[in-house]
């Protein structure tokens, strides 16, 4: 008969790694994303402050589901396209990290589709999808 010694350091470390990986996977959420184009200012988070934009232009406006009364400002998310109504819209294997700088409901530039979880900058959207449409995403705050 085989028995486990739960006090063995290697076994404890292995169990910790497995449980932490499962926790990370479980924290991903599913939603939708659309795109918006310039002008991006003024934004609901930072007004006309030009330093709000990451040099990579990878940013987004928060939909009402994640806006959190403005607490979303500055949050960073990993976003991946998982499906779309049009086949082959998602760019396989691509994930983008975006910073929330605006509120989708009040953004100066209107999203390609209202009511989505996130509205990605044109650069961020083009990193994970190759057609302008509403896409299904999974996302995780980092």
C-alpha atoms as a PDB file:
ATOM      1  CA  UNK A   1       0.000   0.000   0.000  1.00  0.00           C
ATOM      2  CA  UNK A   2       1.247   3.461  -0.944  1.00  0.00           C
ATOM      3  CA  UNK A   3       0.885   6.401   1.451  1.00  0.00           C
ATOM      4  CA  UNK A   4       1.542  10.140   1.121  1.00  0.00           C
ATOM      5  CA  UNK A   5       3.601  12.099   3.585  1.00  0.00           C
ATOM      6  CA  UNK A   6       1.939  15.532   3.476  1.00  0.00           C
ATOM      7  CA  UNK A   7       4.849  17.006   5.387  1.00  0.00           C
ATOM      8  CA  UNK A   8       7.365  16.097   2.679  1.00  0.00           C
ATOM      9  CA  UNK A   9       8.609  19.435   1.203  1.00  0.00           C
ATOM     10  CA  UNK A  10       8.466  18.322  -2.438  1.00  0.00           C
ATOM     11  CA  UNK A  11       4.894  17.091  -2.153  1.00  0.00           C
ATOM     12  CA  UNK A  12       3.753  20.257  -0.370  1.00  0.00           C
ATOM     13  CA  UNK A  13       5.455  22.449  -2.976  1.00  0.00           C
ATOM     14  CA  UNK A  14       3.861  20.446  -5.809  1.00  0.00           C
ATOM     15  CA  UNK A  15       0.398  20.702  -4.257  1.00  0.00           C
ATOM     16  CA  UNK A  16       0.862  24.453  -3.802  1.00  0.00           C
ATOM     17  CA  UNK A  17       1.889  24.935  -7.438  1.00  0.00           C
ATOM     18  CA  UNK A  18      -1.034  22.882  -8.736  1.00  0.00           C
ATOM     19  CA  UNK A  19      -3.558  24.711  -6.560  1.00  0.00           C
ATOM     20  CA  UNK A  20      -2.161  28.146  -7.470  1.00  0.00           C
ATOM     21  CA  UNK A  21      -2.348  27.327 -11.196  1.00  0.00           C
ATOM     22  CA  UNK A  22      -5.946  26.194 -10.783  1.00  0.00           C
ATOM     23  CA  UNK A  23      -6.754  29.417  -8.909  1.00  0.00           C
ATOM     24  CA  UNK A  24      -5.345  31.572 -11.717  1.00  0.00           C
ATOM     25  CA  UNK A  25      -7.329  29.742 -14.384  1.00  0.00           C
ATOM     26  CA  UNK A  26     -10.503  30.056 -12.340  1.00  0.00           C
ATOM     27  CA  UNK A  27     -10.090  33.834 -12.092  1.00  0.00           C
ATOM     28  CA  UNK A  28     -10.536  34.409 -15.843  1.00  0.00           C
ATOM     29  CA  UNK A  29     -13.843  35.944 -16.754  1.00  0.00           C
ATOM     30  CA  UNK A  30     -15.720  35.852 -20.042  1.00  0.00           C
ATOM     31  CA  UNK A  31     -17.208  38.917 -21.709  1.00  0.00           C
ATOM     32  CA  UNK A  32     -17.389  40.850 -24.948  1.00  0.00           C
ATOM     33  CA  UNK A  33     -15.229  43.529 -26.513  1.00  0.00           C
ATOM     34  CA  UNK A  34     -15.577  46.086 -29.254  1.00  0.00           C
ATOM     35  CA  UNK A  35     -13.225  48.763 -30.574  1.00  0.00           C
ATOM     36  CA  UNK A  36     -12.985  52.530 -30.577  1.00  0.00           C
ATOM     37  CA  UNK A  37     -10.820  54.998 -32.501  1.00  0.00           C
ATOM     38  CA  UNK A  38      -9.377  58.422 -31.668  1.00  0.00           C
ATOM     39  CA  UNK A  39     -10.113  60.903 -30.270  1.00  0.00           C
ATOM     40  CA  UNK A  40      -9.631  59.287 -26.875  1.00  0.00           C
ATOM     41  CA  UNK A  41      -9.596  62.482 -24.787  1.00  0.00           C
ATOM     42  CA  UNK A  42     -10.933  63.683 -22.546  1.00  0.00           C
ATOM     43  CA  UNK A  43     -11.284  60.386 -20.707  1.00  0.00           C
ATOM     44  CA  UNK A  44     -13.458  59.682 -17.673  1.00  0.00           C
ATOM     45  CA  UNK A  45     -10.394  58.603 -15.690  1.00  0.00           C
ATOM     46  CA  UNK A  46      -7.744  61.192 -16.471  1.00  0.00           C
ATOM     47  CA  UNK A  47      -9.329  64.019 -18.488  1.00  0.00           C
ATOM     48  CA  UNK A  48      -6.921  65.508 -21.035  1.00  0.00           C
ATOM     49  CA  UNK A  49      -3.720  64.233 -19.377  1.00  0.00           C
ATOM     50  CA  UNK A  50      -1.589  62.851 -22.226  1.00  0.00           C
ATOM     51  CA  UNK A  51       0.431  60.673 -19.819  1.00  0.00           C
ATOM     52  CA  UNK A  52      -2.609  58.406 -19.340  1.00  0.00           C
ATOM     53  CA  UNK A  53      -1.827  56.603 -22.583  1.00  0.00           C
ATOM     54  CA  UNK A  54       0.678  53.744 -22.451  1.00  0.00           C
ATOM     55  CA  UNK A  55       3.382  54.141 -25.104  1.00  0.00           C
ATOM     56  CA  UNK A  56       2.206  50.843 -26.610  1.00  0.00           C
ATOM     57  CA  UNK A  57      -1.314  52.292 -27.189  1.00  0.00           C
ATOM     58  CA  UNK A  58      -2.717  49.186 -25.494  1.00  0.00           C
ATOM     59  CA  UNK A  59      -5.577  50.592 -23.450  1.00  0.00           C
ATOM     60  CA  UNK A  60      -9.327  50.248 -23.060  1.00  0.00           C
ATOM     61  CA  UNK A  61     -12.532  51.796 -21.798  1.00  0.00           C
ATOM     62  CA  UNK A  62     -14.415  49.866 -19.138  1.00  0.00           C
ATOM     63  CA  UNK A  63     -17.962  48.726 -19.774  1.00  0.00           C
ATOM     64  CA  UNK A  64     -20.490  49.090 -16.980  1.00  0.00           C
ATOM     65  CA  UNK A  65     -19.858  45.526 -15.752  1.00  0.00           C
ATOM     66  CA  UNK A  66     -16.265  46.326 -14.751  1.00  0.00           C
ATOM     67  CA  UNK A  67     -16.423  50.143 -14.342  1.00  0.00           C
ATOM     68  CA  UNK A  68     -16.882  49.765 -10.562  1.00  0.00           C
ATOM     69  CA  UNK A  69     -17.827  53.438  -9.973  1.00  0.00           C
ATOM     70  CA  UNK A  70     -14.489  54.558 -11.405  1.00  0.00           C
ATOM     71  CA  UNK A  71     -12.320  52.121  -9.440  1.00  0.00           C
ATOM     72  CA  UNK A  72     -11.466  50.448 -12.774  1.00  0.00           C
ATOM     73  CA  UNK A  73      -9.285  53.421 -13.750  1.00  0.00           C
ATOM     74  CA  UNK A  74      -5.693  52.232 -14.056  1.00  0.00           C
ATOM     75  CA  UNK A  75      -6.494  48.539 -13.731  1.00  0.00           C
ATOM     76  CA  UNK A  76      -4.651  46.238 -16.092  1.00  0.00           C
ATOM     77  CA  UNK A  77      -6.208  43.244 -17.816  1.00  0.00           C
ATOM     78  CA  UNK A  78      -4.956  40.391 -19.952  1.00  0.00           C
ATOM     79  CA  UNK A  79      -7.453  39.985 -22.800  1.00  0.00           C
ATOM     80  CA  UNK A  80      -7.792  37.193 -25.361  1.00  0.00           C
ATOM     81  CA  UNK A  81     -10.281  36.799 -28.204  1.00  0.00           C
ATOM     82  CA  UNK A  82     -12.033  33.440 -27.875  1.00  0.00           C
ATOM     83  CA  UNK A  83     -14.735  33.648 -30.581  1.00  0.00           C
ATOM     84  CA  UNK A  84     -16.766  35.905 -32.850  1.00  0.00           C
ATOM     85  CA  UNK A  85     -19.820  35.693 -35.078  1.00  0.00           C
ATOM     86  CA  UNK A  86     -17.552  35.884 -38.130  1.00  0.00           C
ATOM     87  CA  UNK A  87     -15.282  32.824 -38.441  1.00  0.00           C
ATOM     88  CA  UNK A  88     -11.517  33.352 -38.189  1.00  0.00           C
ATOM     89  CA  UNK A  89     -11.851  36.789 -36.560  1.00  0.00           C
ATOM     90  CA  UNK A  90      -9.714  35.874 -33.544  1.00  0.00           C
ATOM     91  CA  UNK A  91      -5.955  35.825 -33.957  1.00  0.00           C
ATOM     92  CA  UNK A  92      -4.981  32.500 -32.463  1.00  0.00           C
ATOM     93  CA  UNK A  93      -2.546  32.565 -29.550  1.00  0.00           C
ATOM     94  CA  UNK A  94      -2.619  36.349 -29.092  1.00  0.00           C
ATOM     95  CA  UNK A  95      -3.166  37.964 -25.704  1.00  0.00           C
ATOM     96  CA  UNK A  96      -2.962  41.673 -25.024  1.00  0.00           C
ATOM     97  CA  UNK A  97      -2.454  43.541 -21.757  1.00  0.00           C
ATOM     98  CA  UNK A  98      -4.524  46.728 -21.581  1.00  0.00           C
ATOM     99  CA  UNK A  99      -4.862  49.544 -19.067  1.00  0.00           C
ATOM    100  CA  UNK A 100      -8.309  51.006 -18.328  1.00  0.00           C
ATOM    101  CA  UNK A 101      -8.281  54.746 -19.020  1.00  0.00           C
ATOM    102  CA  UNK A 102     -11.928  55.520 -19.737  1.00  0.00           C
ATOM    103  CA  UNK A 103     -15.573  54.595 -19.257  1.00  0.00           C
ATOM    104  CA  UNK A 104     -17.184  53.118 -22.366  1.00  0.00           C
ATOM    105  CA  UNK A 105     -20.565  54.691 -21.693  1.00  0.00           C
ATOM    106  CA  UNK A 106     -19.149  58.221 -21.760  1.00  0.00           C
ATOM    107  CA  UNK A 107     -16.146  57.920 -24.092  1.00  0.00           C
ATOM    108  CA  UNK A 108     -15.719  60.701 -26.672  1.00  0.00           C
ATOM    109  CA  UNK A 109     -15.306  58.183 -29.494  1.00  0.00           C
ATOM    110  CA  UNK A 110     -18.194  55.763 -29.660  1.00  0.00           C
ATOM    111  CA  UNK A 111     -17.501  51.994 -29.599  1.00  0.00           C
ATOM    112  CA  UNK A 112     -18.196  49.849 -32.658  1.00  0.00           C
ATOM    113  CA  UNK A 113     -20.802  48.095 -30.512  1.00  0.00           C
ATOM    114  CA  UNK A 114     -22.348  49.515 -27.333  1.00  0.00           C
ATOM    115  CA  UNK A 115     -22.814  47.483 -24.165  1.00  0.00           C
ATOM    116  CA  UNK A 116     -19.640  45.410 -24.306  1.00  0.00           C
ATOM    117  CA  UNK A 117     -17.503  44.499 -21.297  1.00  0.00           C
ATOM    118  CA  UNK A 118     -14.498  46.386 -22.685  1.00  0.00           C
ATOM    119  CA  UNK A 119     -13.901  48.770 -25.539  1.00  0.00           C
ATOM    120  CA  UNK A 120     -10.344  48.292 -26.775  1.00  0.00           C
ATOM    121  CA  UNK A 121      -8.196  50.894 -28.488  1.00  0.00           C
ATOM    122  CA  UNK A 122      -7.742  50.223 -32.198  1.00  0.00           C
ATOM    123  CA  UNK A 123      -4.187  48.989 -31.523  1.00  0.00           C
ATOM    124  CA  UNK A 124      -5.239  46.610 -28.737  1.00  0.00           C
ATOM    125  CA  UNK A 125      -8.178  45.258 -30.729  1.00  0.00           C
ATOM    126  CA  UNK A 126      -6.015  44.683 -33.817  1.00  0.00           C
ATOM    127  CA  UNK A 127      -3.577  42.650 -31.732  1.00  0.00           C
ATOM    128  CA  UNK A 128      -6.171  39.963 -30.909  1.00  0.00           C
ATOM    129  CA  UNK A 129      -8.699  40.199 -33.766  1.00  0.00           C
ATOM    130  CA  UNK A 130      -8.387  40.770 -37.492  1.00  0.00           C
ATOM    131  CA  UNK A 131     -11.879  42.089 -38.253  1.00  0.00           C
ATOM    132  CA  UNK A 132     -13.842  44.929 -36.746  1.00  0.00           C
ATOM    133  CA  UNK A 133     -16.738  43.302 -34.959  1.00  0.00           C
ATOM    134  CA  UNK A 134     -17.885  42.464 -31.476  1.00  0.00           C
ATOM    135  CA  UNK A 135     -15.798  39.612 -30.122  1.00  0.00           C
ATOM    136  CA  UNK A 136     -16.082  37.260 -27.178  1.00  0.00           C
ATOM    137  CA  UNK A 137     -13.135  37.511 -24.817  1.00  0.00           C
ATOM    138  CA  UNK A 138     -11.722  36.032 -21.717  1.00  0.00           C
ATOM    139  CA  UNK A 139      -9.971  38.482 -19.450  1.00  0.00           C
ATOM    140  CA  UNK A 140      -8.112  38.537 -16.183  1.00  0.00           C
ATOM    141  CA  UNK A 141      -7.047  41.410 -14.012  1.00  0.00           C
ATOM    142  CA  UNK A 142      -3.274  41.496 -13.429  1.00  0.00           C
END
